[in-house]
Amino acid sequence: SERDMAWVKRVGDDQVNLALAYTELTEELGRLRELSALQGRILRTLLQEQARSGGQRHSPLSQRHSPAPQCPSPSPPARAAPPGPPCQSP
């Protein structure tokens, strides 16, 4: 019947939407994993530099009281928009 056909079409559309959402989430998870790995490398490098300098030098993390503007929290990206450039402090 016509009602059954409409239901089948709606279910098919829902499946397509779910597949697209799953793909977007998988891509975002990959980006988050890359950022997490990069963060780990940066922290290891900072710790190694501190260990080499005997902890005499102030780490950039201890300078958060400076008046320089902090990076804003990233807003959720628009659908299918490429990620923006990384925020860099002066």
PDB file of N, CA and C in Angstrom:
ATOM      1  N   SER A   1       0.837  -1.191   0.000  1.00  0.00           N
ATOM      2  CA  SER A   1       0.000   0.000   0.000  1.00  0.00           C
ATOM      3  C   SER A   1       0.883   1.257   0.000  1.00  0.00           C
ATOM      4  N   GLU A   2       0.237   2.371  -0.211  1.00  0.00           N
ATOM      5  CA  GLU A   2       0.972   3.640  -0.271  1.00  0.00           C
ATOM      6  C   GLU A   2       1.603   3.979   1.078  1.00  0.00           C
ATOM      7  N   ARG A   3       0.907   3.652   2.169  1.00  0.00           N
ATOM      8  CA  ARG A   3       1.434   3.924   3.501  1.00  0.00           C
ATOM      9  C   ARG A   3       2.693   3.088   3.766  1.00  0.00           C
ATOM     10  N   ASP A   4       2.654   1.833   3.326  1.00  0.00           N
ATOM     11  CA  ASP A   4       3.831   0.965   3.497  1.00  0.00           C
ATOM     12  C   ASP A   4       5.027   1.498   2.715  1.00  0.00           C
ATOM     13  N   MET A   5       4.772   1.972   1.495  1.00  0.00           N
ATOM     14  CA  MET A   5       5.862   2.508   0.678  1.00  0.00           C
ATOM     15  C   MET A   5       6.468   3.749   1.337  1.00  0.00           C
ATOM     16  N   ALA A   6       5.610   4.609   1.900  1.00  0.00           N
ATOM     17  CA  ALA A   6       6.102   5.810   2.574  1.00  0.00           C
ATOM     18  C   ALA A   6       6.946   5.411   3.785  1.00  0.00           C
ATOM     19  N   TRP A   7       6.508   4.387   4.518  1.00  0.00           N
ATOM     20  CA  TRP A   7       7.257   3.925   5.691  1.00  0.00           C
ATOM     21  C   TRP A   7       8.622   3.370   5.274  1.00  0.00           C
ATOM     22  N   VAL A   8       8.633   2.570   4.196  1.00  0.00           N
ATOM     23  CA  VAL A   8       9.896   1.999   3.714  1.00  0.00           C
ATOM     24  C   VAL A   8      10.847   3.117   3.290  1.00  0.00           C
ATOM     25  N   LYS A   9      10.314   4.137   2.607  1.00  0.00           N
ATOM     26  CA  LYS A   9      11.159   5.256   2.180  1.00  0.00           C
ATOM     27  C   LYS A   9      11.709   5.998   3.394  1.00  0.00           C
ATOM     28  N   ARG A  10      10.862   6.236   4.395  1.00  0.00           N
ATOM     29  CA  ARG A  10      11.300   6.960   5.594  1.00  0.00           C
ATOM     30  C   ARG A  10      12.385   6.174   6.321  1.00  0.00           C
ATOM     31  N   VAL A  11      12.208   4.866   6.443  1.00  0.00           N
ATOM     32  CA  VAL A  11      13.214   4.031   7.100  1.00  0.00           C
ATOM     33  C   VAL A  11      14.522   4.057   6.309  1.00  0.00           C
ATOM     34  N   GLY A  12      14.425   4.011   4.993  1.00  0.00           N
ATOM     35  CA  GLY A  12      15.627   4.086   4.157  1.00  0.00           C
ATOM     36  C   GLY A  12      16.354   5.410   4.335  1.00  0.00           C
ATOM     37  N   ASP A  13      15.584   6.511   4.379  1.00  0.00           N
ATOM     38  CA  ASP A  13      16.188   7.829   4.594  1.00  0.00           C
ATOM     39  C   ASP A  13      16.876   7.888   5.958  1.00  0.00           C
ATOM     40  N   ASP A  14      16.220   7.318   6.969  1.00  0.00           N
ATOM     41  CA  ASP A  14      16.820   7.302   8.308  1.00  0.00           C
ATOM     42  C   ASP A  14      18.130   6.518   8.312  1.00  0.00           C
ATOM     43  N   GLN A  15      18.168   5.414   7.595  1.00  0.00           N
ATOM     44  CA  GLN A  15      19.400   4.615   7.532  1.00  0.00           C
ATOM     45  C   GLN A  15      20.529   5.398   6.868  1.00  0.00           C
ATOM     46  N   VAL A  16      20.202   6.121   5.803  1.00  0.00           N
ATOM     47  CA  VAL A  16      21.216   6.942   5.125  1.00  0.00           C
ATOM     48  C   VAL A  16      21.727   8.023   6.077  1.00  0.00           C
ATOM     49  N   ASN A  17      20.808   8.692   6.780  1.00  0.00           N
ATOM     50  CA  ASN A  17      21.216   9.740   7.721  1.00  0.00           C
ATOM     51  C   ASN A  17      22.091   9.174   8.836  1.00  0.00           C
ATOM     52  N   LEU A  18      21.735   8.001   9.343  1.00  0.00           N
ATOM     53  CA  LEU A  18      22.547   7.379  10.391  1.00  0.00           C
ATOM     54  C   LEU A  18      23.935   7.017   9.874  1.00  0.00           C
ATOM     55  N   ALA A  19      24.002   6.521   8.655  1.00  0.00           N
ATOM     56  CA  ALA A  19      25.301   6.167   8.075  1.00  0.00           C
ATOM     57  C   ALA A  19      26.172   7.409   7.913  1.00  0.00           C
ATOM     58  N   LEU A  20      25.577   8.518   7.464  1.00  0.00           N
ATOM     59  CA  LEU A  20      26.337   9.765   7.325  1.00  0.00           C
ATOM     60  C   LEU A  20      26.811  10.271   8.683  1.00  0.00           C
ATOM     61  N   ALA A  21      25.936  10.224   9.680  1.00  0.00           N
ATOM     62  CA  ALA A  21      26.319  10.678  11.018  1.00  0.00           C
ATOM     63  C   ALA A  21      27.440   9.807  11.579  1.00  0.00           C
ATOM     64  N   TYR A  22      27.356   8.506  11.362  1.00  0.00           N
ATOM     65  CA  TYR A  22      28.399   7.591  11.829  1.00  0.00           C
ATOM     66  C   TYR A  22      29.737   7.925  11.165  1.00  0.00           C
ATOM     67  N   THR A  23      29.692   8.207   9.860  1.00  0.00           N
ATOM     68  CA  THR A  23      30.920   8.557   9.138  1.00  0.00           C
ATOM     69  C   THR A  23      31.525   9.839   9.700  1.00  0.00           C
ATOM     70  N   GLU A  24      30.682  10.850   9.938  1.00  0.00           N
ATOM     71  CA  GLU A  24      31.182  12.111  10.492  1.00  0.00           C
ATOM     72  C   GLU A  24      31.792  11.895  11.874  1.00  0.00           C
ATOM     73  N   LEU A  25      31.124  11.098  12.707  1.00  0.00           N
ATOM     74  CA  LEU A  25      31.650  10.833  14.049  1.00  0.00           C
ATOM     75  C   LEU A  25      32.973  10.085  13.990  1.00  0.00           C
ATOM     76  N   THR A  26      33.080   9.140  13.072  1.00  0.00           N
ATOM     77  CA  THR A  26      34.326   8.385  12.923  1.00  0.00           C
ATOM     78  C   THR A  26      35.466   9.305  12.500  1.00  0.00           C
ATOM     79  N   GLU A  27      35.184  10.215  11.560  1.00  0.00           N
ATOM     80  CA  GLU A  27      36.211  11.167  11.124  1.00  0.00           C
ATOM     81  C   GLU A  27      36.620  12.083  12.274  1.00  0.00           C
ATOM     82  N   GLU A  28      35.646  12.561  13.038  1.00  0.00           N
ATOM     83  CA  GLU A  28      35.945  13.447  14.167  1.00  0.00           C
ATOM     84  C   GLU A  28      36.764  12.709  15.223  1.00  0.00           C
ATOM     85  N   LEU A  29      36.438  11.449  15.469  1.00  0.00           N
ATOM     86  CA  LEU A  29      37.211  10.651  16.423  1.00  0.00           C
ATOM     87  C   LEU A  29      38.659  10.529  15.963  1.00  0.00           C
ATOM     88  N   GLY A  30      38.867  10.332  14.674  1.00  0.00           N
ATOM     89  CA  GLY A  30      40.229  10.268  14.140  1.00  0.00           C
ATOM     90  C   GLY A  30      40.978  11.565  14.375  1.00  0.00           C
ATOM     91  N   ARG A  31      40.297  12.706  14.159  1.00  0.00           N
ATOM     92  CA  ARG A  31      40.951  14.001  14.403  1.00  0.00           C
ATOM     93  C   ARG A  31      41.286  14.163  15.880  1.00  0.00           C
ATOM     94  N   LEU A  32      40.373  13.757  16.755  1.00  0.00           N
ATOM     95  CA  LEU A  32      40.630  13.867  18.195  1.00  0.00           C
ATOM     96  C   LEU A  32      41.803  12.996  18.620  1.00  0.00           C
ATOM     97  N   ARG A  33      41.903  11.801  18.049  1.00  0.00           N
ATOM     98  CA  ARG A  33      43.034  10.923  18.375  1.00  0.00           C
ATOM     99  C   ARG A  33      44.350  11.547  17.927  1.00  0.00           C
ATOM    100  N   GLU A  34      44.356  12.166  16.730  1.00  0.00           N
ATOM    101  CA  GLU A  34      45.569  12.833  16.249  1.00  0.00           C
ATOM    102  C   GLU A  34      45.957  13.976  17.176  1.00  0.00           C
ATOM    103  N   LEU A  35      44.971  14.785  17.579  1.00  0.00           N
ATOM    104  CA  LEU A  35      45.258  15.903  18.477  1.00  0.00           C
ATOM    105  C   LEU A  35      45.759  15.410  19.825  1.00  0.00           C
ATOM    106  N   SER A  36      45.179  14.335  20.322  1.00  0.00           N
ATOM    107  CA  SER A  36      45.609  13.774  21.599  1.00  0.00           C
ATOM    108  C   SER A  36      47.048  13.279  21.518  1.00  0.00           C
ATOM    109  N   ALA A  37      47.395  12.623  20.422  1.00  0.00           N
ATOM    110  CA  ALA A  37      48.769  12.149  20.245  1.00  0.00           C
ATOM    111  C   ALA A  37      49.728  13.330  20.160  1.00  0.00           C
ATOM    112  N   LEU A  38      49.330  14.385  19.443  1.00  0.00           N
ATOM    113  CA  LEU A  38      50.175  15.574  19.335  1.00  0.00           C
ATOM    114  C   LEU A  38      50.358  16.222  20.702  1.00  0.00           C
ATOM    115  N   GLN A  39      49.285  16.304  21.474  1.00  0.00           N
ATOM    116  CA  GLN A  39      49.371  16.876  22.812  1.00  0.00           C
ATOM    117  C   GLN A  39      50.344  16.079  23.672  1.00  0.00           C
ATOM    118  N   GLY A  40      50.278  14.758  23.579  1.00  0.00           N
ATOM    119  CA  GLY A  40      51.198  13.917  24.341  1.00  0.00           C
ATOM    120  C   GLY A  40      52.642  14.165  23.954  1.00  0.00           C
ATOM    121  N   ARG A  41      52.891  14.306  22.642  1.00  0.00           N
ATOM    122  CA  ARG A  41      54.268  14.579  22.193  1.00  0.00           C
ATOM    123  C   ARG A  41      54.751  15.931  22.705  1.00  0.00           C
ATOM    124  N   ILE A  42      53.874  16.942  22.664  1.00  0.00           N
ATOM    125  CA  ILE A  42      54.251  18.274  23.143  1.00  0.00           C
ATOM    126  C   ILE A  42      54.567  18.224  24.633  1.00  0.00           C
ATOM    127  N   LEU A  43      53.721  17.557  25.407  1.00  0.00           N
ATOM    128  CA  LEU A  43      53.955  17.480  26.855  1.00  0.00           C
ATOM    129  C   LEU A  43      55.242  16.734  27.166  1.00  0.00           C
ATOM    130  N   ARG A  44      55.507  15.642  26.436  1.00  0.00           N
ATOM    131  CA  ARG A  44      56.767  14.915  26.657  1.00  0.00           C
ATOM    132  C   ARG A  44      57.970  15.798  26.350  1.00  0.00           C
ATOM    133  N   THR A  45      57.877  16.570  25.260  1.00  0.00           N
ATOM    134  CA  THR A  45      58.977  17.465  24.897  1.00  0.00           C
ATOM    135  C   THR A  45      59.184  18.517  25.977  1.00  0.00           C
ATOM    136  N   LEU A  46      58.093  19.100  26.477  1.00  0.00           N
ATOM    137  CA  LEU A  46      58.212  20.102  27.539  1.00  0.00           C
ATOM    138  C   LEU A  46      58.854  19.507  28.784  1.00  0.00           C
ATOM    139  N   LEU A  47      58.419  18.316  29.165  1.00  0.00           N
ATOM    140  CA  LEU A  47      58.984  17.679  30.357  1.00  0.00           C
ATOM    141  C   LEU A  47      60.461  17.367  30.163  1.00  0.00           C
ATOM    142  N   GLN A  48      60.838  16.929  28.968  1.00  0.00           N
ATOM    143  CA  GLN A  48      62.253  16.648  28.703  1.00  0.00           C
ATOM    144  C   GLN A  48      63.076  17.929  28.763  1.00  0.00           C
ATOM    145  N   GLU A  49      62.539  19.031  28.222  1.00  0.00           N
ATOM    146  CA  GLU A  49      63.258  20.307  28.277  1.00  0.00           C
ATOM    147  C   GLU A  49      63.411  20.769  29.718  1.00  0.00           C
ATOM    148  N   GLN A  50      62.362  20.606  30.518  1.00  0.00           N
ATOM    149  CA  GLN A  50      62.439  20.996  31.928  1.00  0.00           C
ATOM    150  C   GLN A  50      63.474  20.155  32.656  1.00  0.00           C
ATOM    151  N   ALA A  51      63.500  18.856  32.373  1.00  0.00           N
ATOM    152  CA  ALA A  51      64.456  17.970  33.040  1.00  0.00           C
ATOM    153  C   ALA A  51      65.880  18.354  32.651  1.00  0.00           C
ATOM    154  N   ARG A  52      66.102  18.693  31.381  1.00  0.00           N
ATOM    155  CA  ARG A  52      67.442  19.081  30.927  1.00  0.00           C
ATOM    156  C   ARG A  52      67.891  20.391  31.563  1.00  0.00           C
ATOM    157  N   SER A  53      66.964  21.339  31.713  1.00  0.00           N
ATOM    158  CA  SER A  53      67.335  22.638  32.267  1.00  0.00           C
ATOM    159  C   SER A  53      67.299  22.612  33.792  1.00  0.00           C
ATOM    160  N   GLY A  54      67.029  21.481  34.381  1.00  0.00           N
ATOM    161  CA  GLY A  54      67.001  21.370  35.841  1.00  0.00           C
ATOM    162  C   GLY A  54      65.815  22.068  36.468  1.00  0.00           C
ATOM    163  N   GLY A  55      64.801  22.346  35.687  1.00  0.00           N
ATOM    164  CA  GLY A  55      63.595  22.976  36.227  1.00  0.00           C
ATOM    165  C   GLY A  55      63.796  24.442  36.540  1.00  0.00           C
ATOM    166  N   GLN A  56      64.905  25.070  36.113  1.00  0.00           N
ATOM    167  CA  GLN A  56      65.167  26.475  36.411  1.00  0.00           C
ATOM    168  C   GLN A  56      64.283  27.403  35.578  1.00  0.00           C
ATOM    169  N   ARG A  57      64.019  26.984  34.355  1.00  0.00           N
ATOM    170  CA  ARG A  57      63.250  27.815  33.443  1.00  0.00           C
ATOM    171  C   ARG A  57      61.761  27.658  33.715  1.00  0.00           C
ATOM    172  N   HIS A  58      61.018  28.752  33.596  1.00  0.00           N
ATOM    173  CA  HIS A  58      59.563  28.662  33.769  1.00  0.00           C
ATOM    174  C   HIS A  58      58.949  28.024  32.532  1.00  0.00           C
ATOM    175  N   SER A  59      58.025  27.127  32.755  1.00  0.00           N
ATOM    176  CA  SER A  59      57.359  26.494  31.617  1.00  0.00           C
ATOM    177  C   SER A  59      56.278  27.438  31.097  1.00  0.00           C
ATOM    178  N   PRO A  60      55.912  27.310  29.828  1.00  0.00           N
ATOM    179  CA  PRO A  60      54.830  28.159  29.297  1.00  0.00           C
ATOM    180  C   PRO A  60      53.520  27.958  30.054  1.00  0.00           C
ATOM    181  N   LEU A  61      53.344  26.781  30.655  1.00  0.00           N
ATOM    182  CA  LEU A  61      52.095  26.524  31.374  1.00  0.00           C
ATOM    183  C   LEU A  61      51.977  27.396  32.613  1.00  0.00           C
ATOM    184  N   SER A  62      53.123  27.826  33.192  1.00  0.00           N
ATOM    185  CA  SER A  62      53.065  28.631  34.410  1.00  0.00           C
ATOM    186  C   SER A  62      52.840  30.102  34.096  1.00  0.00           C
ATOM    187  N   GLN A  63      52.766  30.474  32.836  1.00  0.00           N
ATOM    188  CA  GLN A  63      52.603  31.873  32.462  1.00  0.00           C
ATOM    189  C   GLN A  63      51.161  32.183  32.079  1.00  0.00           C
ATOM    190  N   ARG A  64      50.232  31.438  32.611  1.00  0.00           N
ATOM    191  CA  ARG A  64      48.834  31.649  32.227  1.00  0.00           C
ATOM    192  C   ARG A  64      48.271  32.946  32.796  1.00  0.00           C
ATOM    193  N   HIS A  65      48.961  33.567  33.759  1.00  0.00           N
ATOM    194  CA  HIS A  65      48.468  34.811  34.327  1.00  0.00           C
ATOM    195  C   HIS A  65      48.765  36.003  33.424  1.00  0.00           C
ATOM    196  N   SER A  66      49.469  35.782  32.319  1.00  0.00           N
ATOM    197  CA  SER A  66      49.828  36.879  31.421  1.00  0.00           C
ATOM    198  C   SER A  66      48.565  37.457  30.786  1.00  0.00           C
ATOM    199  N   PRO A  67      48.612  38.745  30.421  1.00  0.00           N
ATOM    200  CA  PRO A  67      47.414  39.369  29.843  1.00  0.00           C
ATOM    201  C   PRO A  67      47.130  38.953  28.404  1.00  0.00           C
ATOM    202  N   ALA A  68      47.992  38.116  27.825  1.00  0.00           N
ATOM    203  CA  ALA A  68      47.756  37.685  26.444  1.00  0.00           C
ATOM    204  C   ALA A  68      46.437  36.924  26.365  1.00  0.00           C
ATOM    205  N   PRO A  69      45.652  37.154  25.314  1.00  0.00           N
ATOM    206  CA  PRO A  69      44.364  36.446  25.207  1.00  0.00           C
ATOM    207  C   PRO A  69      44.574  34.949  25.022  1.00  0.00           C
ATOM    208  N   GLN A  70      43.731  34.196  25.681  1.00  0.00           N
ATOM    209  CA  GLN A  70      43.804  32.738  25.571  1.00  0.00           C
ATOM    210  C   GLN A  70      43.031  32.297  24.340  1.00  0.00           C
ATOM    211  N   CYS A  71      43.349  31.112  23.850  1.00  0.00           N
ATOM    212  CA  CYS A  71      42.603  30.555  22.725  1.00  0.00           C
ATOM    213  C   CYS A  71      41.160  30.338  23.158  1.00  0.00           C
ATOM    214  N   PRO A  72      40.187  30.753  22.369  1.00  0.00           N
ATOM    215  CA  PRO A  72      38.797  30.451  22.730  1.00  0.00           C
ATOM    216  C   PRO A  72      38.518  28.967  22.539  1.00  0.00           C
ATOM    217  N   SER A  73      37.539  28.488  23.280  1.00  0.00           N
ATOM    218  CA  SER A  73      37.145  27.094  23.098  1.00  0.00           C
ATOM    219  C   SER A  73      36.599  26.939  21.692  1.00  0.00           C
ATOM    220  N   PRO A  74      36.968  25.845  21.006  1.00  0.00           N
ATOM    221  CA  PRO A  74      36.458  25.689  19.638  1.00  0.00           C
ATOM    222  C   PRO A  74      34.967  25.439  19.643  1.00  0.00           C
ATOM    223  N   SER A  75      34.272  26.121  18.748  1.00  0.00           N
ATOM    224  CA  SER A  75      32.841  25.884  18.632  1.00  0.00           C
ATOM    225  C   SER A  75      32.630  24.677  17.735  1.00  0.00           C
ATOM    226  N   PRO A  76      31.496  24.013  17.877  1.00  0.00           N
ATOM    227  CA  PRO A  76      31.272  22.837  17.018  1.00  0.00           C
ATOM    228  C   PRO A  76      31.335  23.255  15.558  1.00  0.00           C
ATOM    229  N   PRO A  77      32.085  22.532  14.732  1.00  0.00           N
ATOM    230  CA  PRO A  77      32.211  22.936  13.329  1.00  0.00           C
ATOM    231  C   PRO A  77      30.916  22.720  12.565  1.00  0.00           C
ATOM    232  N   ALA A  78      30.740  23.515  11.538  1.00  0.00           N
ATOM    233  CA  ALA A  78      29.582  23.325  10.664  1.00  0.00           C
ATOM    234  C   ALA A  78      29.738  21.994   9.942  1.00  0.00           C
ATOM    235  N   ARG A  79      28.639  21.433   9.509  1.00  0.00           N
ATOM    236  CA  ARG A  79      28.694  20.119   8.834  1.00  0.00           C
ATOM    237  C   ARG A  79      29.623  20.168   7.638  1.00  0.00           C
ATOM    238  N   ALA A  80      30.500  19.216   7.543  1.00  0.00           N
ATOM    239  CA  ALA A  80      31.406  19.015   6.412  1.00  0.00           C
ATOM    240  C   ALA A  80      32.378  20.180   6.215  1.00  0.00           C
ATOM    241  N   ALA A  81      32.549  21.049   7.237  1.00  0.00           N
ATOM    242  CA  ALA A  81      33.507  22.144   7.114  1.00  0.00           C
ATOM    243  C   ALA A  81      34.881  21.637   7.527  1.00  0.00           C
ATOM    244  N   PRO A  82      35.926  22.028   6.807  1.00  0.00           N
ATOM    245  CA  PRO A  82      37.274  21.596   7.208  1.00  0.00           C
ATOM    246  C   PRO A  82      37.671  22.283   8.505  1.00  0.00           C
ATOM    247  N   PRO A  83      38.513  21.659   9.314  1.00  0.00           N
ATOM    248  CA  PRO A  83      38.912  22.294  10.566  1.00  0.00           C
ATOM    249  C   PRO A  83      39.697  23.570  10.281  1.00  0.00           C
ATOM    250  N   GLY A  84      39.532  24.571  11.132  1.00  0.00           N
ATOM    251  CA  GLY A  84      40.212  25.844  10.946  1.00  0.00           C
ATOM    252  C   GLY A  84      41.672  25.742  11.318  1.00  0.00           C
ATOM    253  N   PRO A  85      42.418  26.828  11.085  1.00  0.00           N
ATOM    254  CA  PRO A  85      43.844  26.801  11.448  1.00  0.00           C
ATOM    255  C   PRO A  85      43.992  26.732  12.959  1.00  0.00           C
ATOM    256  N   PRO A  86      45.067  26.141  13.450  1.00  0.00           N
ATOM    257  CA  PRO A  86      45.234  26.051  14.901  1.00  0.00           C
ATOM    258  C   PRO A  86      45.426  27.432  15.502  1.00  0.00           C
ATOM    259  N   CYS A  87      44.903  27.633  16.683  1.00  0.00           N
ATOM    260  CA  CYS A  87      45.034  28.907  17.371  1.00  0.00           C
ATOM    261  C   CYS A  87      46.476  29.062  17.823  1.00  0.00           C
ATOM    262  N   GLN A  88      47.074  30.223  17.545  1.00  0.00           N
ATOM    263  CA  GLN A  88      48.463  30.441  17.939  1.00  0.00           C
ATOM    264  C   GLN A  88      48.529  31.676  18.810  1.00  0.00           C
ATOM    265  N   SER A  89      49.269  31.595  19.910  1.00  0.00           N
ATOM    266  CA  SER A  89      49.417  32.758  20.767  1.00  0.00           C
ATOM    267  C   SER A  89      50.601  33.579  20.282  1.00  0.00           C
ATOM    268  N   PRO A  90      50.558  34.885  20.480  1.00  0.00           N
ATOM    269  CA  PRO A  90      51.632  35.760  19.983  1.00  0.00           C
ATOM    270  C   PRO A  90      52.939  35.538  20.711  1.00  0.00           C
TER     271      PRO A  90
END
